[in-house]
Amino acid sequence: MAIFMTLALDSTMTFTMTTITTGWDPGFLQRFLGGWAIGLAVGLPTSLVFLPLARKVTNKLTSE
């Protein structure tokens, strides 16, 4: 689950931010893929570390 969520979020955020900051031009795809690779390299390990913590907090908040 963490991998798929990271892929979806990273792709969406990188696409949006690349479009906002640089717009559409011939170098867009290269900038997008470069940003996406960096975002994935940071986001995937981060999500794998924090997902168990998020589950514990959620369980404590929602348990009776």
PDB file of N, CA and C in Angstrom:
ATOM      1  N   MET A   1       0.825  -1.192   0.000  1.00  0.00           N
ATOM      2  CA  MET A   1       0.000   0.000   0.000  1.00  0.00           C
ATOM      3  C   MET A   1       0.871   1.257   0.000  1.00  0.00           C
ATOM      4  N   ALA A   2       1.916   1.261   0.807  1.00  0.00           N
ATOM      5  CA  ALA A   2       2.776   2.450   0.897  1.00  0.00           C
ATOM      6  C   ALA A   2       3.423   2.768  -0.452  1.00  0.00           C
ATOM      7  N   ILE A   3       3.813   1.741  -1.171  1.00  0.00           N
ATOM      8  CA  ILE A   3       4.468   1.964  -2.465  1.00  0.00           C
ATOM      9  C   ILE A   3       3.494   2.600  -3.455  1.00  0.00           C
ATOM     10  N   PHE A   4       2.276   2.075  -3.523  1.00  0.00           N
ATOM     11  CA  PHE A   4       1.300   2.606  -4.472  1.00  0.00           C
ATOM     12  C   PHE A   4       0.873   4.032  -4.101  1.00  0.00           C
ATOM     13  N   MET A   5       0.707   4.293  -2.819  1.00  0.00           N
ATOM     14  CA  MET A   5       0.342   5.640  -2.390  1.00  0.00           C
ATOM     15  C   MET A   5       1.475   6.622  -2.679  1.00  0.00           C
ATOM     16  N   THR A   6       2.705   6.190  -2.436  1.00  0.00           N
ATOM     17  CA  THR A   6       3.847   7.058  -2.715  1.00  0.00           C
ATOM     18  C   THR A   6       3.954   7.354  -4.201  1.00  0.00           C
ATOM     19  N   LEU A   7       3.766   6.348  -5.041  1.00  0.00           N
ATOM     20  CA  LEU A   7       3.809   6.559  -6.487  1.00  0.00           C
ATOM     21  C   LEU A   7       2.740   7.548  -6.932  1.00  0.00           C
ATOM     22  N   ALA A   8       1.524   7.367  -6.425  1.00  0.00           N
ATOM     23  CA  ALA A   8       0.420   8.241  -6.822  1.00  0.00           C
ATOM     24  C   ALA A   8       0.644   9.670  -6.341  1.00  0.00           C
ATOM     25  N   LEU A   9       0.994   9.835  -5.078  1.00  0.00           N
ATOM     26  CA  LEU A   9       1.187  11.172  -4.532  1.00  0.00           C
ATOM     27  C   LEU A   9       2.390  11.868  -5.147  1.00  0.00           C
ATOM     28  N   ASP A  10       3.491  11.147  -5.271  1.00  0.00           N
ATOM     29  CA  ASP A  10       4.701  11.736  -5.827  1.00  0.00           C
ATOM     30  C   ASP A  10       4.487  12.164  -7.277  1.00  0.00           C
ATOM     31  N   SER A  11       3.842  11.320  -8.057  1.00  0.00           N
ATOM     32  CA  SER A  11       3.584  11.659  -9.461  1.00  0.00           C
ATOM     33  C   SER A  11       2.698  12.891  -9.575  1.00  0.00           C
ATOM     34  N   THR A  12       1.625  12.923  -8.809  1.00  0.00           N
ATOM     35  CA  THR A  12       0.690  14.040  -8.858  1.00  0.00           C
ATOM     36  C   THR A  12       1.344  15.340  -8.409  1.00  0.00           C
ATOM     37  N   MET A  13       2.057  15.287  -7.303  1.00  0.00           N
ATOM     38  CA  MET A  13       2.681  16.492  -6.779  1.00  0.00           C
ATOM     39  C   MET A  13       3.807  16.992  -7.683  1.00  0.00           C
ATOM     40  N   THR A  14       4.620  16.085  -8.207  1.00  0.00           N
ATOM     41  CA  THR A  14       5.707  16.493  -9.086  1.00  0.00           C
ATOM     42  C   THR A  14       5.165  17.090 -10.380  1.00  0.00           C
ATOM     43  N   PHE A  15       4.149  16.456 -10.955  1.00  0.00           N
ATOM     44  CA  PHE A  15       3.536  16.984 -12.176  1.00  0.00           C
ATOM     45  C   PHE A  15       2.973  18.385 -11.937  1.00  0.00           C
ATOM     46  N   THR A  16       2.243  18.546 -10.843  1.00  0.00           N
ATOM     47  CA  THR A  16       1.626  19.830 -10.537  1.00  0.00           C
ATOM     48  C   THR A  16       2.672  20.917 -10.310  1.00  0.00           C
ATOM     49  N   MET A  17       3.665  20.626  -9.500  1.00  0.00           N
ATOM     50  CA  MET A  17       4.671  21.636  -9.187  1.00  0.00           C
ATOM     51  C   MET A  17       5.551  21.967 -10.401  1.00  0.00           C
ATOM     52  N   THR A  18       5.869  20.970 -11.205  1.00  0.00           N
ATOM     53  CA  THR A  18       6.656  21.237 -12.411  1.00  0.00           C
ATOM     54  C   THR A  18       5.864  22.098 -13.378  1.00  0.00           C
ATOM     55  N   THR A  19       4.583  21.814 -13.520  1.00  0.00           N
ATOM     56  CA  THR A  19       3.728  22.602 -14.407  1.00  0.00           C
ATOM     57  C   THR A  19       3.608  24.041 -13.908  1.00  0.00           C
ATOM     58  N   ILE A  20       3.411  24.210 -12.608  1.00  0.00           N
ATOM     59  CA  ILE A  20       3.249  25.559 -12.055  1.00  0.00           C
ATOM     60  C   ILE A  20       4.544  26.360 -12.176  1.00  0.00           C
ATOM     61  N   THR A  21       5.662  25.742 -11.842  1.00  0.00           N
ATOM     62  CA  THR A  21       6.907  26.508 -11.783  1.00  0.00           C
ATOM     63  C   THR A  21       7.562  26.736 -13.140  1.00  0.00           C
ATOM     64  N   THR A  22       7.417  25.802 -14.069  1.00  0.00           N
ATOM     65  CA  THR A  22       8.129  25.948 -15.342  1.00  0.00           C
ATOM     66  C   THR A  22       7.227  25.959 -16.561  1.00  0.00           C
ATOM     67  N   GLY A  23       6.008  25.499 -16.433  1.00  0.00           N
ATOM     68  CA  GLY A  23       5.087  25.473 -17.565  1.00  0.00           C
ATOM     69  C   GLY A  23       5.436  24.393 -18.579  1.00  0.00           C
ATOM     70  N   TRP A  24       4.649  24.380 -19.652  1.00  0.00           N
ATOM     71  CA  TRP A  24       4.838  23.388 -20.717  1.00  0.00           C
ATOM     72  C   TRP A  24       5.820  23.926 -21.746  1.00  0.00           C
ATOM     73  N   ASP A  25       6.882  23.232 -21.946  1.00  0.00           N
ATOM     74  CA  ASP A  25       7.831  23.562 -22.997  1.00  0.00           C
ATOM     75  C   ASP A  25       8.573  22.291 -23.378  1.00  0.00           C
ATOM     76  N   PRO A  26       9.476  22.346 -24.328  1.00  0.00           N
ATOM     77  CA  PRO A  26      10.141  21.114 -24.775  1.00  0.00           C
ATOM     78  C   PRO A  26      10.909  20.359 -23.680  1.00  0.00           C
ATOM     79  N   GLY A  27      11.352  21.029 -22.624  1.00  0.00           N
ATOM     80  CA  GLY A  27      12.102  20.353 -21.568  1.00  0.00           C
ATOM     81  C   GLY A  27      11.252  19.865 -20.415  1.00  0.00           C
ATOM     82  N   PHE A  28       9.920  19.980 -20.547  1.00  0.00           N
ATOM     83  CA  PHE A  28       9.025  19.638 -19.438  1.00  0.00           C
ATOM     84  C   PHE A  28       9.189  18.190 -18.987  1.00  0.00           C
ATOM     85  N   LEU A  29       9.148  17.260 -19.925  1.00  0.00           N
ATOM     86  CA  LEU A  29       9.194  15.845 -19.560  1.00  0.00           C
ATOM     87  C   LEU A  29      10.486  15.502 -18.818  1.00  0.00           C
ATOM     88  N   GLN A  30      11.592  16.044 -19.271  1.00  0.00           N
ATOM     89  CA  GLN A  30      12.873  15.775 -18.612  1.00  0.00           C
ATOM     90  C   GLN A  30      12.881  16.331 -17.185  1.00  0.00           C
ATOM     91  N   ARG A  31      12.382  17.542 -16.996  1.00  0.00           N
ATOM     92  CA  ARG A  31      12.312  18.134 -15.648  1.00  0.00           C
ATOM     93  C   ARG A  31      11.355  17.351 -14.763  1.00  0.00           C
ATOM     94  N   PHE A  32      10.208  16.960 -15.318  1.00  0.00           N
ATOM     95  CA  PHE A  32       9.240  16.193 -14.556  1.00  0.00           C
ATOM     96  C   PHE A  32       9.835  14.866 -14.101  1.00  0.00           C
ATOM     97  N   LEU A  33      10.461  14.139 -15.002  1.00  0.00           N
ATOM     98  CA  LEU A  33      11.022  12.838 -14.636  1.00  0.00           C
ATOM     99  C   LEU A  33      12.166  12.967 -13.633  1.00  0.00           C
ATOM    100  N   GLY A  34      12.975  14.014 -13.769  1.00  0.00           N
ATOM    101  CA  GLY A  34      14.042  14.246 -12.797  1.00  0.00           C
ATOM    102  C   GLY A  34      13.493  14.549 -11.412  1.00  0.00           C
ATOM    103  N   GLY A  35      12.505  15.411 -11.354  1.00  0.00           N
ATOM    104  CA  GLY A  35      11.859  15.728 -10.077  1.00  0.00           C
ATOM    105  C   GLY A  35      11.141  14.539  -9.491  1.00  0.00           C
ATOM    106  N   TRP A  36      10.511  13.756 -10.356  1.00  0.00           N
ATOM    107  CA  TRP A  36       9.787  12.571  -9.899  1.00  0.00           C
ATOM    108  C   TRP A  36      10.742  11.555  -9.294  1.00  0.00           C
ATOM    109  N   ALA A  37      11.896  11.359  -9.905  1.00  0.00           N
ATOM    110  CA  ALA A  37      12.870  10.398  -9.381  1.00  0.00           C
ATOM    111  C   ALA A  37      13.386  10.833  -8.012  1.00  0.00           C
ATOM    112  N   ILE A  38      13.660  12.118  -7.856  1.00  0.00           N
ATOM    113  CA  ILE A  38      14.122  12.619  -6.558  1.00  0.00           C
ATOM    114  C   ILE A  38      13.011  12.493  -5.520  1.00  0.00           C
ATOM    115  N   GLY A  39      11.805  12.868  -5.891  1.00  0.00           N
ATOM    116  CA  GLY A  39      10.672  12.758  -4.971  1.00  0.00           C
ATOM    117  C   GLY A  39      10.415  11.329  -4.547  1.00  0.00           C
ATOM    118  N   LEU A  40      10.546  10.404  -5.475  1.00  0.00           N
ATOM    119  CA  LEU A  40      10.336   8.996  -5.149  1.00  0.00           C
ATOM    120  C   LEU A  40      11.440   8.482  -4.227  1.00  0.00           C
ATOM    121  N   ALA A  41      12.673   8.904  -4.484  1.00  0.00           N
ATOM    122  CA  ALA A  41      13.797   8.472  -3.648  1.00  0.00           C
ATOM    123  C   ALA A  41      13.658   8.971  -2.213  1.00  0.00           C
ATOM    124  N   VAL A  42      13.028  10.111  -2.034  1.00  0.00           N
ATOM    125  CA  VAL A  42      12.810  10.643  -0.687  1.00  0.00           C
ATOM    126  C   VAL A  42      11.490  10.128  -0.112  1.00  0.00           C
ATOM    127  N   GLY A  43      10.455  10.115  -0.926  1.00  0.00           N
ATOM    128  CA  GLY A  43       9.113   9.791  -0.445  1.00  0.00           C
ATOM    129  C   GLY A  43       8.912   8.343  -0.067  1.00  0.00           C
ATOM    130  N   LEU A  44       9.479   7.426  -0.815  1.00  0.00           N
ATOM    131  CA  LEU A  44       9.250   6.009  -0.524  1.00  0.00           C
ATOM    132  C   LEU A  44       9.848   5.588   0.818  1.00  0.00           C
ATOM    133  N   PRO A  45      11.107   5.863   1.090  1.00  0.00           N
ATOM    134  CA  PRO A  45      11.624   5.495   2.414  1.00  0.00           C
ATOM    135  C   PRO A  45      10.895   6.217   3.550  1.00  0.00           C
ATOM    136  N   THR A  46      10.529   7.478   3.306  1.00  0.00           N
ATOM    137  CA  THR A  46       9.804   8.232   4.330  1.00  0.00           C
ATOM    138  C   THR A  46       8.470   7.580   4.633  1.00  0.00           C
ATOM    139  N   SER A  47       7.736   7.191   3.603  1.00  0.00           N
ATOM    140  CA  SER A  47       6.436   6.559   3.835  1.00  0.00           C
ATOM    141  C   SER A  47       6.587   5.197   4.502  1.00  0.00           C
ATOM    142  N   LEU A  48       7.624   4.459   4.168  1.00  0.00           N
ATOM    143  CA  LEU A  48       7.838   3.156   4.802  1.00  0.00           C
ATOM    144  C   LEU A  48       8.192   3.293   6.279  1.00  0.00           C
ATOM    145  N   VAL A  49       8.843   4.388   6.639  1.00  0.00           N
ATOM    146  CA  VAL A  49       9.182   4.627   8.043  1.00  0.00           C
ATOM    147  C   VAL A  49       7.962   5.112   8.820  1.00  0.00           C
ATOM    148  N   PHE A  50       7.208   6.044   8.230  1.00  0.00           N
ATOM    149  CA  PHE A  50       6.119   6.670   8.967  1.00  0.00           C
ATOM    150  C   PHE A  50       4.790   5.930   8.900  1.00  0.00           C
ATOM    151  N   LEU A  51       4.613   5.029   7.968  1.00  0.00           N
ATOM    152  CA  LEU A  51       3.347   4.311   7.874  1.00  0.00           C
ATOM    153  C   LEU A  51       3.029   3.525   9.143  1.00  0.00           C
ATOM    154  N   PRO A  52       3.962   2.769   9.717  1.00  0.00           N
ATOM    155  CA  PRO A  52       3.631   2.072  10.970  1.00  0.00           C
ATOM    156  C   PRO A  52       3.262   3.034  12.102  1.00  0.00           C
ATOM    157  N   LEU A  53       3.936   4.160  12.179  1.00  0.00           N
ATOM    158  CA  LEU A  53       3.612   5.158  13.199  1.00  0.00           C
ATOM    159  C   LEU A  53       2.214   5.721  12.973  1.00  0.00           C
ATOM    160  N   ALA A  54       1.889   6.014  11.733  1.00  0.00           N
ATOM    161  CA  ALA A  54       0.560   6.540  11.417  1.00  0.00           C
ATOM    162  C   ALA A  54      -0.530   5.525  11.768  1.00  0.00           C
ATOM    163  N   ARG A  55      -0.268   4.259  11.513  1.00  0.00           N
ATOM    164  CA  ARG A  55      -1.248   3.223  11.877  1.00  0.00           C
ATOM    165  C   ARG A  55      -1.462   3.159  13.385  1.00  0.00           C
ATOM    166  N   LYS A  56      -0.379   3.240  14.158  1.00  0.00           N
ATOM    167  CA  LYS A  56      -0.496   3.193  15.627  1.00  0.00           C
ATOM    168  C   LYS A  56      -1.300   4.384  16.133  1.00  0.00           C
ATOM    169  N   VAL A  57      -0.988   5.558  15.641  1.00  0.00           N
ATOM    170  CA  VAL A  57      -1.714   6.759  16.069  1.00  0.00           C
ATOM    171  C   VAL A  57      -3.176   6.668  15.687  1.00  0.00           C
ATOM    172  N   THR A  58      -3.451   6.217  14.479  1.00  0.00           N
ATOM    173  CA  THR A  58      -4.839   6.085  14.035  1.00  0.00           C
ATOM    174  C   THR A  58      -5.595   5.069  14.877  1.00  0.00           C
ATOM    175  N   ASN A  59      -4.954   3.942  15.163  1.00  0.00           N
ATOM    176  CA  ASN A  59      -5.607   2.935  16.005  1.00  0.00           C
ATOM    177  C   ASN A  59      -5.910   3.462  17.395  1.00  0.00           C
ATOM    178  N   LYS A  60      -4.992   4.234  17.988  1.00  0.00           N
ATOM    179  CA  LYS A  60      -5.235   4.801  19.306  1.00  0.00           C
ATOM    180  C   LYS A  60      -6.356   5.823  19.277  1.00  0.00           C
ATOM    181  N   LEU A  61      -6.424   6.605  18.212  1.00  0.00           N
ATOM    182  CA  LEU A  61      -7.457   7.619  18.125  1.00  0.00           C
ATOM    183  C   LEU A  61      -8.841   7.037  17.844  1.00  0.00           C
ATOM    184  N   THR A  62      -8.881   5.900  17.166  1.00  0.00           N
ATOM    185  CA  THR A  62     -10.176   5.356  16.772  1.00  0.00           C
ATOM    186  C   THR A  62     -10.624   4.170  17.628  1.00  0.00           C
ATOM    187  N   SER A  63      -9.766   3.663  18.484  1.00  0.00           N
ATOM    188  CA  SER A  63     -10.176   2.512  19.309  1.00  0.00           C
ATOM    189  C   SER A  63     -11.034   2.976  20.466  1.00  0.00           C
ATOM    190  N   GLU A  64     -11.865   2.082  20.907  1.00  0.00           N
ATOM    191  CA  GLU A  64     -12.764   2.414  22.023  1.00  0.00           C
ATOM    192  C   GLU A  64     -12.239   1.900  23.322  1.00  0.00           C
TER     193      GLU A  64
END
